[in-house]
Amino acid sequence: MGEVATCLATLAGLLVAARAQPFTGCCSFDEPFSSCGYTQSVDDDLNWNQVHTLVKPSSDPWMPSDNQFYGYLIW
């Protein structure tokens, strides 16, 4: 019976943690990430940028060269 209680407590904890993350809805790569509620944290080691440009970044050969919004990670 103790294993069942542990599983139920774990499931309840996961559900509570999942509810703490807000879902911002219908965001697309055609809009700035900030309009979807995404922000760059200064408290972690993962950095990202979103760019809208006609010229692909010269330092990254994997980026497409057409006119699009791009999101990429820097680590």
C-alpha atoms as a PDB file:
ATOM      1  CA  MET A   1       0.000   0.000   0.000  1.00  0.00           C
ATOM      2  CA  GLY A   2       2.954   2.321   0.590  1.00  0.00           C
ATOM      3  CA  GLU A   3       4.011   2.106  -3.067  1.00  0.00           C
ATOM      4  CA  VAL A   4       0.545   3.147  -4.238  1.00  0.00           C
ATOM      5  CA  ALA A   5       0.585   6.158  -1.920  1.00  0.00           C
ATOM      6  CA  THR A   6       4.046   7.113  -3.163  1.00  0.00           C
ATOM      7  CA  CYS A   7       2.910   6.882  -6.794  1.00  0.00           C
ATOM      8  CA  LEU A   8      -0.195   8.963  -6.096  1.00  0.00           C
ATOM      9  CA  ALA A   9       1.840  11.597  -4.254  1.00  0.00           C
ATOM     10  CA  THR A  10       4.328  11.740  -7.133  1.00  0.00           C
ATOM     11  CA  LEU A  11       1.523  12.087  -9.684  1.00  0.00           C
ATOM     12  CA  ALA A  12      -0.102  14.850  -7.635  1.00  0.00           C
ATOM     13  CA  GLY A  13       3.237  16.673  -7.426  1.00  0.00           C
ATOM     14  CA  LEU A  14       3.717  16.453 -11.189  1.00  0.00           C
ATOM     15  CA  LEU A  15       0.229  17.788 -11.841  1.00  0.00           C
ATOM     16  CA  VAL A  16       0.779  20.733  -9.500  1.00  0.00           C
ATOM     17  CA  ALA A  17       4.144  21.500 -11.118  1.00  0.00           C
ATOM     18  CA  ALA A  18       2.634  21.331 -14.614  1.00  0.00           C
ATOM     19  CA  ARG A  19      -0.102  23.791 -13.656  1.00  0.00           C
ATOM     20  CA  ALA A  20       2.557  26.294 -12.558  1.00  0.00           C
ATOM     21  CA  GLN A  21       3.728  26.700 -16.186  1.00  0.00           C
ATOM     22  CA  PRO A  22       1.361  29.044 -18.058  1.00  0.00           C
ATOM     23  CA  PHE A  23       0.441  28.204 -21.633  1.00  0.00           C
ATOM     24  CA  THR A  24       0.408  31.374 -23.704  1.00  0.00           C
ATOM     25  CA  GLY A  25      -1.637  30.027 -26.603  1.00  0.00           C
ATOM     26  CA  CYS A  26      -1.304  30.354 -30.335  1.00  0.00           C
ATOM     27  CA  CYS A  27       2.239  31.581 -30.843  1.00  0.00           C
ATOM     28  CA  SER A  28       4.068  31.150 -34.107  1.00  0.00           C
ATOM     29  CA  PHE A  29       7.510  31.893 -35.463  1.00  0.00           C
ATOM     30  CA  ASP A  30       5.978  34.790 -37.442  1.00  0.00           C
ATOM     31  CA  GLU A  31       5.610  36.860 -34.266  1.00  0.00           C
ATOM     32  CA  PRO A  32       8.237  38.032 -31.794  1.00  0.00           C
ATOM     33  CA  PHE A  33       8.758  35.562 -28.959  1.00  0.00           C
ATOM     34  CA  SER A  34       8.149  38.372 -26.471  1.00  0.00           C
ATOM     35  CA  SER A  35       4.526  38.652 -27.635  1.00  0.00           C
ATOM     36  CA  CYS A  36       4.121  35.003 -26.601  1.00  0.00           C
ATOM     37  CA  GLY A  37       5.554  35.634 -23.145  1.00  0.00           C
ATOM     38  CA  TYR A  38       9.019  34.162 -23.795  1.00  0.00           C
ATOM     39  CA  THR A  39      11.948  36.020 -22.272  1.00  0.00           C
ATOM     40  CA  GLN A  40      15.674  35.391 -21.968  1.00  0.00           C
ATOM     41  CA  SER A  41      16.626  34.430 -18.422  1.00  0.00           C
ATOM     42  CA  VAL A  42      19.764  35.917 -16.922  1.00  0.00           C
ATOM     43  CA  ASP A  43      19.915  33.140 -14.304  1.00  0.00           C
ATOM     44  CA  ASP A  44      20.919  30.243 -16.572  1.00  0.00           C
ATOM     45  CA  ASP A  45      23.672  29.247 -19.001  1.00  0.00           C
ATOM     46  CA  LEU A  46      21.390  28.917 -22.035  1.00  0.00           C
ATOM     47  CA  ASN A  47      21.074  31.966 -24.285  1.00  0.00           C
ATOM     48  CA  TRP A  48      18.825  32.365 -27.297  1.00  0.00           C
ATOM     49  CA  ASN A  49      18.058  35.026 -29.849  1.00  0.00           C
ATOM     50  CA  GLN A  50      15.280  35.600 -32.339  1.00  0.00           C
ATOM     51  CA  VAL A  51      16.182  37.459 -35.504  1.00  0.00           C
ATOM     52  CA  HIS A  52      14.144  38.717 -38.452  1.00  0.00           C
ATOM     53  CA  THR A  53      16.447  39.425 -41.332  1.00  0.00           C
ATOM     54  CA  LEU A  54      16.863  39.251 -45.085  1.00  0.00           C
ATOM     55  CA  VAL A  55      20.479  38.155 -44.688  1.00  0.00           C
ATOM     56  CA  LYS A  56      21.378  34.896 -42.983  1.00  0.00           C
ATOM     57  CA  PRO A  57      23.889  35.111 -40.148  1.00  0.00           C
ATOM     58  CA  SER A  58      27.293  34.669 -41.748  1.00  0.00           C
ATOM     59  CA  SER A  59      28.685  32.694 -38.823  1.00  0.00           C
ATOM     60  CA  ASP A  60      26.104  29.892 -39.061  1.00  0.00           C
ATOM     61  CA  PRO A  61      25.937  27.875 -42.310  1.00  0.00           C
ATOM     62  CA  TRP A  62      22.939  25.882 -41.018  1.00  0.00           C
ATOM     63  CA  MET A  63      20.605  28.898 -40.982  1.00  0.00           C
ATOM     64  CA  PRO A  64      18.300  29.299 -43.994  1.00  0.00           C
ATOM     65  CA  SER A  65      18.927  32.327 -46.186  1.00  0.00           C
ATOM     66  CA  ASP A  66      15.349  33.431 -46.875  1.00  0.00           C
ATOM     67  CA  ASN A  67      13.293  36.142 -45.135  1.00  0.00           C
ATOM     68  CA  GLN A  68      12.057  34.496 -41.933  1.00  0.00           C
ATOM     69  CA  PHE A  69      12.040  34.734 -38.185  1.00  0.00           C
ATOM     70  CA  TYR A  70      14.800  32.623 -36.715  1.00  0.00           C
ATOM     71  CA  GLY A  71      15.278  31.309 -33.227  1.00  0.00           C
ATOM     72  CA  TYR A  72      18.598  29.842 -32.254  1.00  0.00           C
ATOM     73  CA  LEU A  73      20.368  28.780 -29.098  1.00  0.00           C
ATOM     74  CA  ILE A  74      23.842  29.761 -27.993  1.00  0.00           C
ATOM     75  CA  TRP A  75      25.625  27.609 -25.444  1.00  0.00           C
END
